[in-house]
N, C-alpha and C. Protein backbone atom coordinates (compact mmCIF):
# COMPACT_ATOMS: atom_id res chain seq x y z
N UNK A 1 65.23 104.56 123.91
CA UNK A 1 66.59 104.53 124.21
C UNK A 1 66.82 105.81 123.88
N UNK A 2 67.85 106.49 124.82
CA UNK A 2 68.25 107.87 124.50
C UNK A 2 69.82 107.81 124.29
N UNK A 3 70.07 108.33 123.38
CA UNK A 3 71.63 108.24 123.03
C UNK A 3 72.34 109.47 122.79
N UNK A 4 73.45 109.97 123.28
CA UNK A 4 74.01 111.39 122.82
C UNK A 4 75.03 110.96 121.61
N UNK A 5 74.86 111.87 120.54
CA UNK A 5 75.77 111.58 119.50
C UNK A 5 76.28 112.76 119.13
N UNK A 6 77.89 112.85 118.45
CA UNK A 6 78.25 114.02 117.97
C UNK A 6 77.95 114.00 116.58
N UNK A 7 77.35 115.22 116.09
CA UNK A 7 76.98 115.47 114.58
C UNK A 7 77.75 116.55 114.24
N UNK A 8 77.99 116.41 112.87
CA UNK A 8 78.91 117.29 112.19
C UNK A 8 78.03 118.67 112.11
N UNK A 9 78.84 119.65 112.50
CA UNK A 9 78.35 120.83 112.64
C UNK A 9 77.81 121.57 111.28
N UNK A 10 78.30 120.96 110.23
CA UNK A 10 77.79 121.38 109.07
C UNK A 10 76.28 120.61 108.71
N UNK A 11 76.19 119.67 109.07
CA UNK A 11 74.96 118.72 108.95
C UNK A 11 73.63 119.30 109.50
N UNK A 12 74.00 120.01 110.84
CA UNK A 12 72.69 120.47 111.80
C UNK A 12 71.90 121.60 110.95
N UNK A 13 72.47 122.33 110.40
CA UNK A 13 71.57 123.46 109.60
C UNK A 13 70.84 122.60 108.49
N UNK A 14 71.40 121.55 107.72
CA UNK A 14 70.52 120.98 106.77
C UNK A 14 69.41 120.02 107.47
N UNK A 15 69.75 119.51 108.51
CA UNK A 15 68.56 118.66 109.32
C UNK A 15 67.39 119.54 109.71
N UNK A 16 67.91 120.87 110.11
CA UNK A 16 66.71 121.79 110.60
C UNK A 16 66.04 122.44 109.24
N UNK A 17 66.59 122.35 108.25
CA UNK A 17 65.91 122.82 107.07
C UNK A 17 65.12 121.53 106.54
N UNK A 18 65.40 120.45 106.44
CA UNK A 18 64.45 119.27 106.03
C UNK A 18 63.46 119.13 107.10
N UNK A 19 63.66 119.24 108.32
CA UNK A 19 62.67 119.45 109.27
C UNK A 19 61.40 120.34 109.26
N UNK A 20 61.91 121.53 108.75
CA UNK A 20 61.25 122.63 108.56
C UNK A 20 60.27 122.34 107.35
N UNK A 21 60.68 121.95 106.49
CA UNK A 21 60.00 121.88 105.17
C UNK A 21 59.17 120.71 105.37
N UNK A 22 59.45 119.53 105.89
CA UNK A 22 58.39 118.57 106.35
C UNK A 22 57.57 118.73 107.40
N UNK A 23 57.63 119.89 108.10
CA UNK A 23 56.87 120.03 109.20
C UNK A 23 57.02 119.04 110.38
N UNK A 24 58.27 118.83 110.62
CA UNK A 24 58.74 117.56 111.52
C UNK A 24 59.76 118.14 112.32
N UNK A 25 60.23 117.30 113.17
CA UNK A 25 61.39 117.77 114.20
C UNK A 25 62.54 116.98 113.66
N UNK A 26 63.80 117.67 114.00
CA UNK A 26 65.08 117.09 113.67
C UNK A 26 65.37 115.64 114.29
N UNK A 27 64.84 115.24 115.29
CA UNK A 27 64.85 113.93 115.79
C UNK A 27 63.94 112.91 114.79
N UNK A 28 62.79 113.40 114.36
CA UNK A 28 62.07 112.62 113.39
C UNK A 28 62.81 112.15 112.20
N UNK A 29 63.39 113.43 111.48
CA UNK A 29 63.87 113.28 110.63
C UNK A 29 65.32 112.27 110.57
N UNK A 30 66.01 112.54 111.59
CA UNK A 30 66.89 111.63 111.97
C UNK A 30 66.62 110.12 112.10
N UNK A 31 65.70 109.77 112.81
CA UNK A 31 65.01 108.68 112.88
C UNK A 31 64.61 107.93 111.60
N UNK A 32 64.12 108.76 110.85
CA UNK A 32 63.64 108.34 109.64
C UNK A 32 64.62 108.12 108.81
N UNK A 33 65.84 108.82 108.70
CA UNK A 33 67.10 108.64 107.72
C UNK A 33 67.52 107.16 108.39
N UNK A 34 67.68 107.15 109.70
CA UNK A 34 68.30 105.93 110.16
C UNK A 34 67.58 104.57 109.67
N UNK A 35 66.13 104.69 110.02
CA UNK A 35 65.46 103.59 109.58
C UNK A 35 65.38 103.14 107.95
N UNK A 36 65.48 104.12 107.27
CA UNK A 36 65.51 104.00 105.60
C UNK A 36 67.03 103.32 105.52
N UNK A 37 67.78 103.73 106.27
CA UNK A 37 69.25 103.12 106.12
C UNK A 37 69.46 101.89 106.28
N UNK A 38 68.87 101.43 107.61
CA UNK A 38 68.81 100.12 107.87
C UNK A 38 68.15 99.22 107.06
N UNK A 39 66.91 99.75 106.70
CA UNK A 39 65.94 98.75 105.52
C UNK A 39 66.85 98.75 104.20
N UNK A 40 67.44 99.61 103.77
CA UNK A 40 68.44 99.61 102.57
C UNK A 40 69.17 98.60 102.62
N UNK A 41 70.11 98.38 103.78
CA UNK A 41 71.14 97.63 104.01
C UNK A 41 70.72 96.21 103.97
N UNK A 42 69.65 96.05 104.69
CA UNK A 42 68.97 94.80 104.68
C UNK A 42 68.52 94.21 103.35
N UNK A 43 68.16 95.10 102.46
CA UNK A 43 67.72 94.66 101.20
C UNK A 43 68.96 94.36 100.51
N UNK A 44 69.93 95.08 100.64
CA UNK A 44 71.22 94.78 99.97
C UNK A 44 71.84 93.56 100.25
N UNK A 45 71.69 93.16 101.83
CA UNK A 45 72.23 91.88 102.18
C UNK A 45 71.26 90.75 101.52
N UNK A 46 70.13 90.87 101.44
CA UNK A 46 69.13 89.92 100.99
C UNK A 46 69.35 89.61 99.47
N UNK A 47 69.67 90.72 98.43
CA UNK A 47 69.70 90.78 97.40
C UNK A 47 71.30 89.90 96.93
N UNK A 48 72.12 90.05 97.83
CA UNK A 48 73.22 89.34 97.73
C UNK A 48 73.50 87.99 97.97
N UNK A 49 72.65 87.56 98.68
CA UNK A 49 72.33 86.06 98.99
C UNK A 49 72.13 85.27 97.82
N UNK A 50 72.66 83.94 97.98
CA UNK A 50 72.31 82.78 97.13
C UNK A 50 70.93 82.32 97.32
N UNK A 51 70.57 81.74 96.20
CA UNK A 51 69.03 80.94 96.35
C UNK A 51 69.03 80.09 97.83
N UNK A 52 70.04 79.39 97.74
CA UNK A 52 70.21 78.22 98.87
C UNK A 52 70.00 79.06 100.33
N UNK A 53 70.77 80.24 100.44
CA UNK A 53 70.56 81.18 101.63
C UNK A 53 69.32 81.58 101.95
N UNK A 54 68.77 82.05 100.82
CA UNK A 54 67.47 82.96 100.79
C UNK A 54 66.52 81.67 101.42
N UNK A 55 66.59 80.66 100.83
CA UNK A 55 65.44 79.44 101.24
C UNK A 55 65.89 79.08 102.79
N UNK A 56 67.14 79.07 103.26
CA UNK A 56 67.44 78.83 104.68
C UNK A 56 66.98 79.92 105.59
N UNK A 57 66.98 81.05 105.08
CA UNK A 57 66.55 82.20 105.78
C UNK A 57 64.89 81.98 105.86
N UNK A 58 64.46 81.79 104.72
CA UNK A 58 62.86 81.59 104.82
C UNK A 58 62.51 80.37 105.76
N UNK A 59 63.06 79.38 106.05
CA UNK A 59 62.87 78.42 106.68
C UNK A 59 62.98 78.70 108.32
N UNK A 60 64.17 79.40 108.33
CA UNK A 60 64.48 79.87 109.84
C UNK A 60 63.31 80.87 110.19
N UNK A 61 62.66 81.77 109.48
CA UNK A 61 61.77 82.76 109.82
C UNK A 61 60.50 81.95 109.98
N UNK A 62 60.15 80.83 109.28
CA UNK A 62 58.93 80.04 109.54
C UNK A 62 59.06 79.22 110.76
N UNK A 63 60.26 78.85 110.91
CA UNK A 63 60.44 77.93 112.23
C UNK A 63 60.05 78.83 113.55
N UNK A 64 60.92 80.24 113.41
CA UNK A 64 60.50 81.14 114.56
C UNK A 64 58.97 81.31 114.64
N UNK A 65 58.15 81.32 113.81
CA UNK A 65 56.59 81.38 113.93
C UNK A 65 55.87 80.05 114.20
N UNK A 66 56.42 79.27 114.26
CA UNK A 66 55.79 78.06 114.73
C UNK A 66 55.49 77.87 116.14
N UNK A 67 54.28 77.25 116.35
CA UNK A 67 53.95 76.99 117.89
C UNK A 67 54.80 75.90 118.39
N UNK A 68 55.27 76.35 119.39
CA UNK A 68 56.03 75.23 120.13
C UNK A 68 55.50 74.69 121.32
N UNK A 69 54.10 74.94 121.63
CA UNK A 69 53.45 74.30 122.57
C UNK A 69 52.81 73.06 122.17
N UNK A 70 52.59 72.83 120.85
CA UNK A 70 51.96 71.67 120.26
C UNK A 70 53.08 70.69 120.11
N UNK A 71 52.93 69.41 120.62
CA UNK A 71 53.67 68.48 120.27
C UNK A 71 53.10 67.20 119.46
N UNK A 72 53.76 66.80 118.55
CA UNK A 72 53.03 65.67 117.68
C UNK A 72 54.21 64.28 118.02
N UNK A 73 53.70 63.16 117.64
CA UNK A 73 54.45 61.99 117.95
C UNK A 73 55.50 61.70 116.70
N UNK A 74 56.38 60.92 117.05
CA UNK A 74 57.47 60.70 116.01
C UNK A 74 56.73 59.94 114.98
N UNK A 75 55.91 59.08 115.13
CA UNK A 75 55.17 58.20 113.98
C UNK A 75 54.53 59.12 113.10
N UNK A 76 53.66 60.15 113.82
CA UNK A 76 52.93 61.19 113.12
C UNK A 76 53.62 62.04 112.40
N UNK A 77 54.84 62.26 112.85
CA UNK A 77 55.90 63.20 111.78
C UNK A 77 56.45 62.58 110.77
N UNK A 78 56.89 61.45 110.94
CA UNK A 78 57.31 60.48 109.63
C UNK A 78 56.32 59.66 108.99
N UNK A 79 55.00 59.87 109.06
CA UNK A 79 54.06 59.15 108.34
C UNK A 79 53.98 59.68 107.00
N UNK A 80 53.83 58.88 105.87
CA UNK A 80 53.70 59.58 104.69
C UNK A 80 52.36 59.92 103.91
């Protein structure tokens, strides 16, 4: 996806310097910074969750991975 954004003029030389030091491009440096920021915020949100919320999230993730093509009978589901 290509987006045009306004960047503070004071930050551009800093981005260029970081890119030069890392032998990278300004675009790559910005992408890495954004990726780090998003991951950091996700970790903050997870750490702020209660134990019940974390369990609910884990169950949701497991349910999303479950195969939906296999069906079982009600009897088999509730069998002890």
